[in-house]
Structure formats: structure tokens, C-alpha cells
Amino acid sequence: MMPFGFLIFRTTYCLPGLLIGMLVGLGPVVSGCAERQEEPVVALVNGRAITQTEFDLRWDELSKATRSRYEKEGGKRRFLDELITRELLMQEARRRGLDQDDTIRDKTQRYKEQLILDELLKDKLQSKVEVTQAELDAYYQKHADQLLDPLKANVSLMLLPNVYAARDLEAQVHRGGSFAKFAQRYSIDEKTKSKGGELGPYRKGLVPPEIDAVIHTLKIGTVSAPIKTDHGYYLVMLSPLDEAILQVDLATQERLRQELLSDKRRKRFDEVIADIRANAVIRFAGASRHITDDTGKRPPGSIP
């Protein structure tokens, strides 16, 4: 069964007997008939047929996402309705003579040339450009200021005036006390006290070296032993990052990966163009000076 309930039409046509006889070398024959199968037609628009082949071709050209959208909004019948609308618009455009417009013809020619160039470059760039994990890691390291540290944790701290206070609060946190509330009440670090000691996502250089060394030994949700510094005794605690922050970091990683991939593709493209130019003979004519007057330099290979 054909889509949309359209049938295959068959037509029978007859050739004059004399002509058939001449064609088969048998001499004159009274008459002859042959059957010709026509292509299925899915719609007629002011007499112009939209064939099954044309419909299938245009349907197959749709991207996966677009095809999925059509399948949710009426399927192939919806797509056929849009093809009919497109044909009506084309007929109206031809009626107005737009297909004979010189500007449109010029644009069509440039578009055709672009398609040809795209196909050529696709062939030239057929070797797939990929990014290795080592290249990606190096690129991430180069842009580390845009990414979360691999530790991926929030850092909170409180500064106490002596080791006894620090040990007491450490014990209370271990027993289930709120690190943030203790920091707001007892910390003498004015920069973080009002925020419950929170410094934000960990990054290199966020805290002094002696605290940084301890951070890398902590598990999420545990509090450190008192850390002695010139300013007093610190307690440090790590907590999970919000899911929103993690998602932003993943998006940034993907953006950086695409940047690196685009850069590699650009370099591959430049190599292809350089190879083509190396095997070509190019000489700039005298009129090219009008293009380079602003630089004051003669193009390489130009004719004096």
C-alpha cells in the first residue's frame, strides 16, 4: 500500500502499426500497444504533480531532529501539507516572474558554486579531525581559570584564637554541630564569618599553603583537625557543590572542547588550501593595486 492511500496509475498507449513494424524489423503491422507504468503521485497542485519520489527525497533530507518534530505534529501528512504550501508559493513567485530576476539568478549561481566548493572541501577534509584526551587535558590546563578544580568541592573555614577553642569546636562539629553556625558565632576571620565561613568552590591559591595541604586529605563532609598558622588556628570543611555549578562546569568543558576541535579543523583547512595554492600559478594583475593601496605594499607575484 502506498503512503496516504495514493495509487500507482498505469496508462496504455498504442503506436501506429507501420512504426512498430519498422522498429522491430518485421515490416508493416496493423497496430501495437504497450503498457507504461507512471510514477505514483501524492498530490496535484494546480496541475503540477508532487510525486512519491520527490516526497521521499525531501523527507530523507530532513535532519533527525526536524523529522522527529514532524512525527510529533502530524507526521508525513503534515510534511506533505507544507510541501503543497511551498509549491503554491513557488507557482506564485513564477507567475510574478521572480524566477527570471537577474539578482536571484546571480545569488543562485553563487549558492551553486558554494555547494560545489563545500563538496570539494568535504572530499579534501575526509580524514576525520579528532581531539585526543592528552590534547584535551592540556587545553583544559591552559584554561584552568575557567574550570572547576578536579577536587570539585566547596571550602568553608573558621579561624579561632587558640588551639583549645579549635579542638572544642572540631569535636562539636563531629558530634553533628553546624559548622556554618559556629563560624558565624566564633570565627575571627572577618572576611568569611558572615557567610558561615564559606569561601566557595576550591581553586588553586584559594587558601594559604598550610591549609591547602590539609584540604587535599579531607573527605567531603568532614572537618579538619586544627591547623596552626601565624593568624591562629583554622578548622576547614569541604561540602558538595550545587548541581547547577557542576552543570555550568560541564558546559564550559564542552565549549572548550569545541574550541579546540574547531582550531584543529581550521588548521587542517589551512593545510589543504596551502597545498592547492602551492600547485597553482597565481599572478596579481595591475588592477590589484587598487585593493592594496591602503597597505602601501605590492601583492606577492604581482605584475609591475
C-alpha atoms as a PDB file:
ATOM      1  CA  MET A   1       0.000   0.000   0.000  1.00  0.00           C
ATOM      2  CA  MET A   2       1.348   3.412  -0.956  1.00  0.00           C
ATOM      3  CA  PRO A   3       1.548   6.226   1.645  1.00  0.00           C
ATOM      4  CA  PHE A   4      -1.522   8.471   2.005  1.00  0.00           C
ATOM      5  CA  GLY A   5      -3.666   5.998   0.016  1.00  0.00           C
ATOM      6  CA  PHE A   6      -2.421   7.175  -3.399  1.00  0.00           C
ATOM      7  CA  LEU A   7      -2.351   4.543  -6.143  1.00  0.00           C
ATOM      8  CA  ILE A   8       0.022   3.789  -8.966  1.00  0.00           C
ATOM      9  CA  PHE A   9      -1.570   4.878 -12.217  1.00  0.00           C
ATOM     10  CA  ARG A  10      -0.994   2.879 -15.394  1.00  0.00           C
ATOM     11  CA  THR A  11      -1.566   4.195 -18.902  1.00  0.00           C
ATOM     12  CA  THR A  12      -1.803   2.228 -22.108  1.00  0.00           C
ATOM     13  CA  TYR A  13      -0.651   3.813 -25.309  1.00  0.00           C
ATOM     14  CA  CYS A  14      -0.643   2.498 -28.923  1.00  0.00           C
ATOM     15  CA  LEU A  15       1.863   3.072 -31.696  1.00  0.00           C
ATOM     16  CA  PRO A  16       0.947   3.066 -35.363  1.00  0.00           C
ATOM     17  CA  GLY A  17       1.387  -0.413 -36.854  1.00  0.00           C
ATOM     18  CA  LEU A  18       3.814   0.815 -39.515  1.00  0.00           C
ATOM     19  CA  LEU A  19       6.073   2.420 -36.914  1.00  0.00           C
ATOM     20  CA  ILE A  20       6.129  -0.717 -34.722  1.00  0.00           C
ATOM     21  CA  GLY A  21       6.932  -2.844 -37.719  1.00  0.00           C
ATOM     22  CA  MET A  22       9.836  -0.603 -38.639  1.00  0.00           C
ATOM     23  CA  LEU A  23      11.122  -0.645 -35.070  1.00  0.00           C
ATOM     24  CA  VAL A  24      11.203  -4.446 -34.785  1.00  0.00           C
ATOM     25  CA  GLY A  25      12.160  -5.083 -38.382  1.00  0.00           C
ATOM     26  CA  LEU A  26       9.052  -7.062 -39.241  1.00  0.00           C
ATOM     27  CA  GLY A  27       7.566  -4.730 -41.779  1.00  0.00           C
ATOM     28  CA  PRO A  28       4.178  -3.057 -41.525  1.00  0.00           C
ATOM     29  CA  VAL A  29       1.910  -4.215 -38.725  1.00  0.00           C
ATOM     30  CA  VAL A  30      -1.637  -3.089 -38.268  1.00  0.00           C
ATOM     31  CA  SER A  31      -1.271  -1.739 -34.737  1.00  0.00           C
ATOM     32  CA  GLY A  32       0.589  -2.237 -31.465  1.00  0.00           C
ATOM     33  CA  CYS A  33       0.047  -1.347 -27.851  1.00  0.00           C
ATOM     34  CA  ALA A  34       2.394  -1.135 -24.893  1.00  0.00           C
ATOM     35  CA  GLU A  35       1.769  -0.518 -21.243  1.00  0.00           C
ATOM     36  CA  ARG A  36       3.742   2.224 -19.416  1.00  0.00           C
ATOM     37  CA  GLN A  37       3.818   2.483 -15.650  1.00  0.00           C
ATOM     38  CA  GLU A  38       3.756   6.011 -14.326  1.00  0.00           C
ATOM     39  CA  GLU A  39       5.305   7.181 -11.080  1.00  0.00           C
ATOM     40  CA  PRO A  40       2.979   7.401  -8.051  1.00  0.00           C
ATOM     41  CA  VAL A  41       1.681  10.899  -7.370  1.00  0.00           C
ATOM     42  CA  VAL A  42       0.899  12.046  -3.824  1.00  0.00           C
ATOM     43  CA  ALA A  43      -0.661  15.417  -4.675  1.00  0.00           C
ATOM     44  CA  LEU A  44      -1.597  17.665  -7.594  1.00  0.00           C
ATOM     45  CA  VAL A  45      -1.191  21.409  -7.076  1.00  0.00           C
ATOM     46  CA  ASN A  46      -2.820  23.421  -9.873  1.00  0.00           C
ATOM     47  CA  GLY A  47      -1.992  20.513 -12.148  1.00  0.00           C
ATOM     48  CA  ARG A  48       1.628  20.178 -11.040  1.00  0.00           C
ATOM     49  CA  ALA A  49       2.328  16.717  -9.590  1.00  0.00           C
ATOM     50  CA  ILE A  50       4.235  16.114  -6.380  1.00  0.00           C
ATOM     51  CA  THR A  51       5.492  12.586  -6.897  1.00  0.00           C
ATOM     52  CA  GLN A  52       6.210   9.914  -4.333  1.00  0.00           C
ATOM     53  CA  THR A  53       9.906  10.074  -5.286  1.00  0.00           C
ATOM     54  CA  GLU A  54      10.061  13.829  -4.719  1.00  0.00           C
ATOM     55  CA  PHE A  55       8.267  13.478  -1.396  1.00  0.00           C
ATOM     56  CA  ASP A  56      10.579  10.682  -0.196  1.00  0.00           C
ATOM     57  CA  LEU A  57      13.668  12.622  -1.279  1.00  0.00           C
ATOM     58  CA  ARG A  58      12.662  15.732   0.641  1.00  0.00           C
ATOM     59  CA  TRP A  59      11.644  13.682   3.677  1.00  0.00           C
ATOM     60  CA  ASP A  60      15.015  11.891   3.719  1.00  0.00           C
ATOM     61  CA  GLU A  61      16.827  15.251   3.528  1.00  0.00           C
ATOM     62  CA  LEU A  62      15.333  16.335   6.867  1.00  0.00           C
ATOM     63  CA  SER A  63      17.579  16.282   9.904  1.00  0.00           C
ATOM     64  CA  LYS A  64      16.799  13.732  12.590  1.00  0.00           C
ATOM     65  CA  ALA A  65      15.555  16.464  14.937  1.00  0.00           C
ATOM     66  CA  THR A  66      13.261  18.022  12.301  1.00  0.00           C
ATOM     67  CA  ARG A  67      11.847  14.641  11.316  1.00  0.00           C
ATOM     68  CA  SER A  68      11.163  13.891  14.974  1.00  0.00           C
ATOM     69  CA  ARG A  69       9.283  17.200  15.288  1.00  0.00           C
ATOM     70  CA  TYR A  70       7.103  16.342  12.299  1.00  0.00           C
ATOM     71  CA  GLU A  71       6.367  12.901  13.741  1.00  0.00           C
ATOM     72  CA  LYS A  72       5.045  14.602  16.892  1.00  0.00           C
ATOM     73  CA  GLU A  73       3.000  17.189  14.974  1.00  0.00           C
ATOM     74  CA  GLY A  74       1.136  15.204  12.338  1.00  0.00           C
ATOM     75  CA  GLY A  75       3.785  13.059  10.708  1.00  0.00           C
ATOM     76  CA  LYS A  76       4.242  12.800   6.964  1.00  0.00           C
ATOM     77  CA  ARG A  77       0.800  14.235   6.280  1.00  0.00           C
ATOM     78  CA  ARG A  78       1.861  17.489   7.971  1.00  0.00           C
ATOM     79  CA  PHE A  79       5.033  17.496   5.890  1.00  0.00           C
ATOM     80  CA  LEU A  80       3.012  16.932   2.705  1.00  0.00           C
ATOM     81  CA  ASP A  81       0.793  19.916   3.559  1.00  0.00           C
ATOM     82  CA  GLU A  82       3.915  22.070   3.856  1.00  0.00           C
ATOM     83  CA  LEU A  83       5.238  20.796   0.514  1.00  0.00           C
ATOM     84  CA  ILE A  84       1.907  21.787  -1.041  1.00  0.00           C
ATOM     85  CA  THR A  85       2.177  25.260   0.524  1.00  0.00           C
ATOM     86  CA  ARG A  86       5.727  25.558  -0.778  1.00  0.00           C
ATOM     87  CA  GLU A  87       4.606  24.596  -4.279  1.00  0.00           C
ATOM     88  CA  LEU A  88       1.799  27.191  -4.182  1.00  0.00           C
ATOM     89  CA  LEU A  89       4.300  29.866  -3.177  1.00  0.00           C
ATOM     90  CA  MET A  90       6.696  28.810  -5.950  1.00  0.00           C
ATOM     91  CA  GLN A  91       3.928  28.968  -8.514  1.00  0.00           C
ATOM     92  CA  GLU A  92       3.020  32.474  -7.352  1.00  0.00           C
ATOM     93  CA  ALA A  93       6.687  33.511  -7.499  1.00  0.00           C
ATOM     94  CA  ARG A  94       6.976  32.225 -11.084  1.00  0.00           C
ATOM     95  CA  ARG A  95       3.735  33.971 -12.011  1.00  0.00           C
ATOM     96  CA  ARG A  96       5.345  37.209 -10.897  1.00  0.00           C
ATOM     97  CA  GLY A  97       8.487  36.432 -12.895  1.00  0.00           C
ATOM     98  CA  LEU A  98      10.790  36.176  -9.893  1.00  0.00           C
ATOM     99  CA  ASP A  99      12.478  33.101 -11.372  1.00  0.00           C
ATOM    100  CA  GLN A 100      13.689  35.349 -14.198  1.00  0.00           C
ATOM    101  CA  ASP A 101      15.063  38.064 -11.899  1.00  0.00           C
ATOM    102  CA  ASP A 102      18.768  38.715 -12.593  1.00  0.00           C
ATOM    103  CA  THR A 103      19.588  39.319  -8.928  1.00  0.00           C
ATOM    104  CA  ILE A 104      18.065  35.995  -7.926  1.00  0.00           C
ATOM    105  CA  ARG A 105      19.891  34.252 -10.768  1.00  0.00           C
ATOM    106  CA  ASP A 106      23.198  35.706  -9.568  1.00  0.00           C
ATOM    107  CA  LYS A 107      22.516  34.591  -5.998  1.00  0.00           C
ATOM    108  CA  THR A 108      21.532  31.138  -7.266  1.00  0.00           C
ATOM    109  CA  GLN A 109      24.809  30.859  -9.158  1.00  0.00           C
ATOM    110  CA  ARG A 110      26.825  31.855  -6.093  1.00  0.00           C
ATOM    111  CA  TYR A 111      24.925  29.344  -3.985  1.00  0.00           C
ATOM    112  CA  LYS A 112      25.615  26.644  -6.560  1.00  0.00           C
ATOM    113  CA  GLU A 113      29.318  27.500  -6.510  1.00  0.00           C
ATOM    114  CA  GLN A 114      29.322  27.331  -2.713  1.00  0.00           C
ATOM    115  CA  LEU A 115      27.740  23.870  -2.790  1.00  0.00           C
ATOM    116  CA  ILE A 116      30.420  22.719  -5.217  1.00  0.00           C
ATOM    117  CA  LEU A 117      33.174  24.142  -3.004  1.00  0.00           C
ATOM    118  CA  ASP A 118      31.632  22.534   0.078  1.00  0.00           C
ATOM    119  CA  GLU A 119      31.630  19.165  -1.673  1.00  0.00           C
ATOM    120  CA  LEU A 120      35.251  19.621  -2.757  1.00  0.00           C
ATOM    121  CA  LEU A 121      36.409  20.527   0.738  1.00  0.00           C
ATOM    122  CA  LYS A 122      34.417  17.656   2.221  1.00  0.00           C
ATOM    123  CA  ASP A 123      36.405  15.343  -0.018  1.00  0.00           C
ATOM    124  CA  LYS A 124      39.707  17.061   0.797  1.00  0.00           C
ATOM    125  CA  LEU A 125      38.952  17.001   4.528  1.00  0.00           C
ATOM    126  CA  GLN A 126      37.652  13.457   4.540  1.00  0.00           C
ATOM    127  CA  SER A 127      40.201  12.386   7.148  1.00  0.00           C
ATOM    128  CA  LYS A 128      38.291  12.913  10.398  1.00  0.00           C
ATOM    129  CA  VAL A 129      39.720  15.554  12.719  1.00  0.00           C
ATOM    130  CA  GLU A 130      39.650  14.335  16.303  1.00  0.00           C
ATOM    131  CA  VAL A 131      40.858  15.584  19.672  1.00  0.00           C
ATOM    132  CA  THR A 132      42.879  13.189  21.814  1.00  0.00           C
ATOM    133  CA  GLN A 133      42.422  13.059  25.567  1.00  0.00           C
ATOM    134  CA  ALA A 134      46.001  14.278  26.053  1.00  0.00           C
ATOM    135  CA  GLU A 135      45.315  17.330  23.851  1.00  0.00           C
ATOM    136  CA  LEU A 136      42.062  17.992  25.681  1.00  0.00           C
ATOM    137  CA  ASP A 137      43.698  17.745  29.112  1.00  0.00           C
ATOM    138  CA  ALA A 138      46.432  20.162  28.037  1.00  0.00           C
ATOM    139  CA  TYR A 139      43.816  22.595  26.707  1.00  0.00           C
ATOM    140  CA  TYR A 140      41.838  22.370  29.940  1.00  0.00           C
ATOM    141  CA  GLN A 141      45.017  23.067  31.884  1.00  0.00           C
ATOM    142  CA  LYS A 142      45.685  26.103  29.705  1.00  0.00           C
ATOM    143  CA  HIS A 143      42.198  27.430  30.547  1.00  0.00           C
ATOM    144  CA  ALA A 144      42.119  26.222  34.157  1.00  0.00           C
ATOM    145  CA  ASP A 145      40.885  29.631  35.313  1.00  0.00           C
ATOM    146  CA  GLN A 146      37.562  28.919  33.544  1.00  0.00           C
ATOM    147  CA  LEU A 147      37.046  25.477  35.083  1.00  0.00           C
ATOM    148  CA  LEU A 148      36.459  23.977  38.483  1.00  0.00           C
ATOM    149  CA  ASP A 149      39.389  22.268  40.133  1.00  0.00           C
ATOM    150  CA  PRO A 150      39.220  18.453  39.894  1.00  0.00           C
ATOM    151  CA  LEU A 151      38.547  18.470  43.667  1.00  0.00           C
ATOM    152  CA  LYS A 152      35.069  19.895  42.894  1.00  0.00           C
ATOM    153  CA  ALA A 153      34.094  20.905  46.429  1.00  0.00           C
ATOM    154  CA  ASN A 154      33.058  23.956  48.391  1.00  0.00           C
ATOM    155  CA  VAL A 155      35.542  25.142  51.005  1.00  0.00           C
ATOM    156  CA  SER A 156      34.499  26.568  54.383  1.00  0.00           C
ATOM    157  CA  LEU A 157      36.785  27.612  57.223  1.00  0.00           C
ATOM    158  CA  MET A 158      36.790  29.303  60.586  1.00  0.00           C
ATOM    159  CA  LEU A 159      39.659  30.953  62.384  1.00  0.00           C
ATOM    160  CA  LEU A 160      39.952  30.508  66.155  1.00  0.00           C
ATOM    161  CA  PRO A 161      42.279  32.415  68.506  1.00  0.00           C
ATOM    162  CA  ASN A 162      43.756  29.322  70.226  1.00  0.00           C
ATOM    163  CA  VAL A 163      44.076  25.570  69.886  1.00  0.00           C
ATOM    164  CA  TYR A 164      41.686  24.850  72.764  1.00  0.00           C
ATOM    165  CA  ALA A 165      38.780  26.663  71.116  1.00  0.00           C
ATOM    166  CA  ALA A 166      39.625  24.978  67.829  1.00  0.00           C
ATOM    167  CA  ARG A 167      39.643  21.485  69.355  1.00  0.00           C
ATOM    168  CA  ASP A 168      36.366  22.091  71.180  1.00  0.00           C
ATOM    169  CA  LEU A 169      34.549  23.244  68.024  1.00  0.00           C
ATOM    170  CA  GLU A 170      36.090  20.393  65.996  1.00  0.00           C
ATOM    171  CA  ALA A 171      34.588  17.930  68.466  1.00  0.00           C
ATOM    172  CA  GLN A 172      31.193  19.648  68.360  1.00  0.00           C
ATOM    173  CA  VAL A 173      31.098  19.526  64.553  1.00  0.00           C
ATOM    174  CA  HIS A 174      31.977  15.812  64.702  1.00  0.00           C
ATOM    175  CA  ARG A 175      29.000  15.328  67.007  1.00  0.00           C
ATOM    176  CA  GLY A 176      26.681  16.947  64.436  1.00  0.00           C
ATOM    177  CA  GLY A 177      27.025  20.632  65.184  1.00  0.00           C
ATOM    178  CA  SER A 178      26.642  23.170  62.370  1.00  0.00           C
ATOM    179  CA  PHE A 179      29.995  24.303  61.015  1.00  0.00           C
ATOM    180  CA  ALA A 180      28.381  27.382  59.449  1.00  0.00           C
ATOM    181  CA  LYS A 181      26.683  28.491  62.675  1.00  0.00           C
ATOM    182  CA  PHE A 182      29.862  28.003  64.711  1.00  0.00           C
ATOM    183  CA  ALA A 183      31.817  30.021  62.132  1.00  0.00           C
ATOM    184  CA  GLN A 184      29.305  32.879  62.268  1.00  0.00           C
ATOM    185  CA  ARG A 185      29.494  32.944  66.058  1.00  0.00           C
ATOM    186  CA  TYR A 186      33.117  32.176  66.912  1.00  0.00           C
ATOM    187  CA  SER A 187      35.342  32.768  63.855  1.00  0.00           C
ATOM    188  CA  ILE A 188      37.670  35.775  63.981  1.00  0.00           C
ATOM    189  CA  ASP A 189      38.080  35.789  60.187  1.00  0.00           C
ATOM    190  CA  GLU A 190      36.012  38.864  59.301  1.00  0.00           C
ATOM    191  CA  LYS A 191      36.055  38.094  55.539  1.00  0.00           C
ATOM    192  CA  THR A 192      34.180  34.794  55.855  1.00  0.00           C
ATOM    193  CA  LYS A 193      32.440  34.989  59.222  1.00  0.00           C
ATOM    194  CA  SER A 194      29.163  36.473  57.943  1.00  0.00           C
ATOM    195  CA  LYS A 195      28.907  33.739  55.271  1.00  0.00           C
ATOM    196  CA  GLY A 196      29.330  30.909  57.767  1.00  0.00           C
ATOM    197  CA  GLY A 197      32.970  30.538  56.758  1.00  0.00           C
ATOM    198  CA  GLU A 198      32.165  29.669  53.120  1.00  0.00           C
ATOM    199  CA  LEU A 199      34.878  30.519  50.574  1.00  0.00           C
ATOM    200  CA  GLY A 200      33.215  28.973  47.535  1.00  0.00           C
ATOM    201  CA  PRO A 201      34.454  26.309  45.077  1.00  0.00           C
ATOM    202  CA  TYR A 202      38.020  25.185  45.664  1.00  0.00           C
ATOM    203  CA  ARG A 203      40.686  26.507  43.329  1.00  0.00           C
ATOM    204  CA  LYS A 204      44.430  26.762  43.423  1.00  0.00           C
ATOM    205  CA  GLY A 205      45.615  29.655  45.599  1.00  0.00           C
ATOM    206  CA  LEU A 206      42.298  29.988  47.419  1.00  0.00           C
ATOM    207  CA  VAL A 207      43.852  29.394  50.857  1.00  0.00           C
ATOM    208  CA  PRO A 208      47.359  29.574  52.381  1.00  0.00           C
ATOM    209  CA  PRO A 209      49.699  26.646  51.557  1.00  0.00           C
ATOM    210  CA  GLU A 210      49.481  25.028  55.015  1.00  0.00           C
ATOM    211  CA  ILE A 211      45.664  24.919  54.748  1.00  0.00           C
ATOM    212  CA  ASP A 212      45.757  23.835  51.101  1.00  0.00           C
ATOM    213  CA  ALA A 213      47.849  20.783  52.013  1.00  0.00           C
ATOM    214  CA  VAL A 214      45.227  19.657  54.539  1.00  0.00           C
ATOM    215  CA  ILE A 215      42.297  20.238  52.165  1.00  0.00           C
ATOM    216  CA  HIS A 216      43.590  17.568  49.788  1.00  0.00           C
ATOM    217  CA  THR A 217      43.456  14.992  52.588  1.00  0.00           C
ATOM    218  CA  LEU A 218      39.846  15.696  53.598  1.00  0.00           C
ATOM    219  CA  LYS A 219      36.719  13.862  52.551  1.00  0.00           C
ATOM    220  CA  ILE A 220      33.515  15.704  51.691  1.00  0.00           C
ATOM    221  CA  GLY A 221      31.569  16.483  54.858  1.00  0.00           C
ATOM    222  CA  THR A 222      34.441  16.006  57.333  1.00  0.00           C
ATOM    223  CA  VAL A 223      36.125  18.717  59.372  1.00  0.00           C
ATOM    224  CA  SER A 224      39.878  19.032  59.732  1.00  0.00           C
ATOM    225  CA  ALA A 225      41.905  18.993  62.928  1.00  0.00           C
ATOM    226  CA  PRO A 226      43.129  22.464  63.998  1.00  0.00           C
ATOM    227  CA  ILE A 227      45.661  23.912  61.548  1.00  0.00           C
ATOM    228  CA  LYS A 228      48.224  26.231  63.114  1.00  0.00           C
ATOM    229  CA  THR A 229      49.078  29.454  61.211  1.00  0.00           C
ATOM    230  CA  ASP A 230      50.521  32.847  62.066  1.00  0.00           C
ATOM    231  CA  HIS A 231      46.962  34.178  62.394  1.00  0.00           C
ATOM    232  CA  GLY A 232      45.613  31.492  64.720  1.00  0.00           C
ATOM    233  CA  TYR A 233      44.108  28.016  64.335  1.00  0.00           C
ATOM    234  CA  TYR A 234      41.912  27.108  61.358  1.00  0.00           C
ATOM    235  CA  LEU A 235      39.242  24.474  61.009  1.00  0.00           C
ATOM    236  CA  VAL A 236      38.395  23.551  57.394  1.00  0.00           C
ATOM    237  CA  MET A 237      35.472  21.638  55.965  1.00  0.00           C
ATOM    238  CA  LEU A 238      34.568  20.507  52.437  1.00  0.00           C
ATOM    239  CA  SER A 239      30.965  20.269  51.189  1.00  0.00           C
ATOM    240  CA  PRO A 240      29.425  19.163  47.847  1.00  0.00           C
ATOM    241  CA  LEU A 241      28.980  21.708  45.087  1.00  0.00           C
ATOM    242  CA  ASP A 242      25.493  22.632  43.905  1.00  0.00           C
ATOM    243  CA  GLU A 243      24.322  20.682  40.876  1.00  0.00           C
ATOM    244  CA  ALA A 244      23.860  23.943  38.957  1.00  0.00           C
ATOM    245  CA  ILE A 245      27.543  24.804  39.423  1.00  0.00           C
ATOM    246  CA  LEU A 246      28.574  21.337  38.225  1.00  0.00           C
ATOM    247  CA  GLN A 247      26.381  21.668  35.130  1.00  0.00           C
ATOM    248  CA  VAL A 248      27.924  25.037  34.289  1.00  0.00           C
ATOM    249  CA  ASP A 249      31.364  23.460  34.576  1.00  0.00           C
ATOM    250  CA  LEU A 250      30.365  20.625  32.229  1.00  0.00           C
ATOM    251  CA  ALA A 251      29.055  23.168  29.727  1.00  0.00           C
ATOM    252  CA  THR A 252      32.336  25.074  29.936  1.00  0.00           C
ATOM    253  CA  GLN A 253      34.301  21.879  29.334  1.00  0.00           C
ATOM    254  CA  GLU A 254      32.225  21.148  26.228  1.00  0.00           C
ATOM    255  CA  ARG A 255      32.693  24.709  24.956  1.00  0.00           C
ATOM    256  CA  LEU A 256      36.454  24.413  25.363  1.00  0.00           C
ATOM    257  CA  ARG A 257      36.426  21.026  23.610  1.00  0.00           C
ATOM    258  CA  GLN A 258      34.555  22.526  20.662  1.00  0.00           C
ATOM    259  CA  GLU A 259      37.025  25.437  20.562  1.00  0.00           C
ATOM    260  CA  LEU A 260      39.956  23.023  20.365  1.00  0.00           C
ATOM    261  CA  LEU A 261      38.219  20.912  17.724  1.00  0.00           C
ATOM    262  CA  SER A 262      37.424  23.995  15.624  1.00  0.00           C
ATOM    263  CA  ASP A 263      41.020  25.118  15.891  1.00  0.00           C
ATOM    264  CA  LYS A 264      42.265  21.746  14.648  1.00  0.00           C
ATOM    265  CA  ARG A 265      39.769  21.795  11.779  1.00  0.00           C
ATOM    266  CA  ARG A 266      40.867  25.314  10.857  1.00  0.00           C
ATOM    267  CA  LYS A 267      44.496  24.229  10.774  1.00  0.00           C
ATOM    268  CA  ARG A 268      43.598  21.224   8.620  1.00  0.00           C
ATOM    269  CA  PHE A 269      41.675  23.528   6.262  1.00  0.00           C
ATOM    270  CA  ASP A 270      44.677  25.881   6.036  1.00  0.00           C
ATOM    271  CA  GLU A 271      46.908  22.926   5.169  1.00  0.00           C
ATOM    272  CA  VAL A 272      44.571  21.872   2.351  1.00  0.00           C
ATOM    273  CA  ILE A 273      44.415  25.399   0.935  1.00  0.00           C
ATOM    274  CA  ALA A 274      48.194  25.803   1.187  1.00  0.00           C
ATOM    275  CA  ASP A 275      48.669  22.557  -0.731  1.00  0.00           C
ATOM    276  CA  ILE A 276      46.286  23.668  -3.504  1.00  0.00           C
ATOM    277  CA  ARG A 277      47.953  27.088  -3.770  1.00  0.00           C
ATOM    278  CA  ALA A 278      51.407  25.500  -3.868  1.00  0.00           C
ATOM    279  CA  ASN A 279      50.442  23.697  -7.069  1.00  0.00           C
ATOM    280  CA  ALA A 280      48.844  26.735  -8.695  1.00  0.00           C
ATOM    281  CA  VAL A 281      50.236  29.646 -10.733  1.00  0.00           C
ATOM    282  CA  ILE A 282      48.927  32.922  -9.342  1.00  0.00           C
ATOM    283  CA  ARG A 283      49.931  36.369 -10.563  1.00  0.00           C
ATOM    284  CA  PHE A 284      48.278  39.577  -9.439  1.00  0.00           C
ATOM    285  CA  ALA A 285      47.366  41.963 -12.255  1.00  0.00           C
ATOM    286  CA  GLY A 286      47.877  45.708 -12.247  1.00  0.00           C
ATOM    287  CA  ALA A 287      44.345  46.467 -11.084  1.00  0.00           C
ATOM    288  CA  SER A 288      45.106  44.720  -7.798  1.00  0.00           C
ATOM    289  CA  ARG A 289      46.913  47.874  -6.670  1.00  0.00           C
ATOM    290  CA  HIS A 290      43.516  49.449  -6.016  1.00  0.00           C
ATOM    291  CA  ILE A 291      42.848  46.699  -3.472  1.00  0.00           C
ATOM    292  CA  THR A 292      46.169  47.111  -1.671  1.00  0.00           C
ATOM    293  CA  ASP A 293      46.598  50.891  -1.796  1.00  0.00           C
ATOM    294  CA  ASP A 294      45.715  51.131   1.889  1.00  0.00           C
ATOM    295  CA  THR A 295      48.659  48.936   2.852  1.00  0.00           C
ATOM    296  CA  GLY A 296      51.216  50.545   0.589  1.00  0.00           C
ATOM    297  CA  LYS A 297      52.508  47.098  -0.340  1.00  0.00           C
ATOM    298  CA  ARG A 298      52.506  45.290  -3.685  1.00  0.00           C
ATOM    299  CA  PRO A 299      50.945  41.818  -3.543  1.00  0.00           C
ATOM    300  CA  PRO A 300      53.493  38.998  -3.899  1.00  0.00           C
ATOM    301  CA  GLY A 301      53.741  37.809  -7.513  1.00  0.00           C
ATOM    302  CA  SER A 302      52.023  40.931  -8.900  1.00  0.00           C
ATOM    303  CA  ILE A 303      52.733  42.232 -12.367  1.00  0.00           C
ATOM    304  CA  PRO A 304      54.656  45.574 -12.248  1.00  0.00           C
END
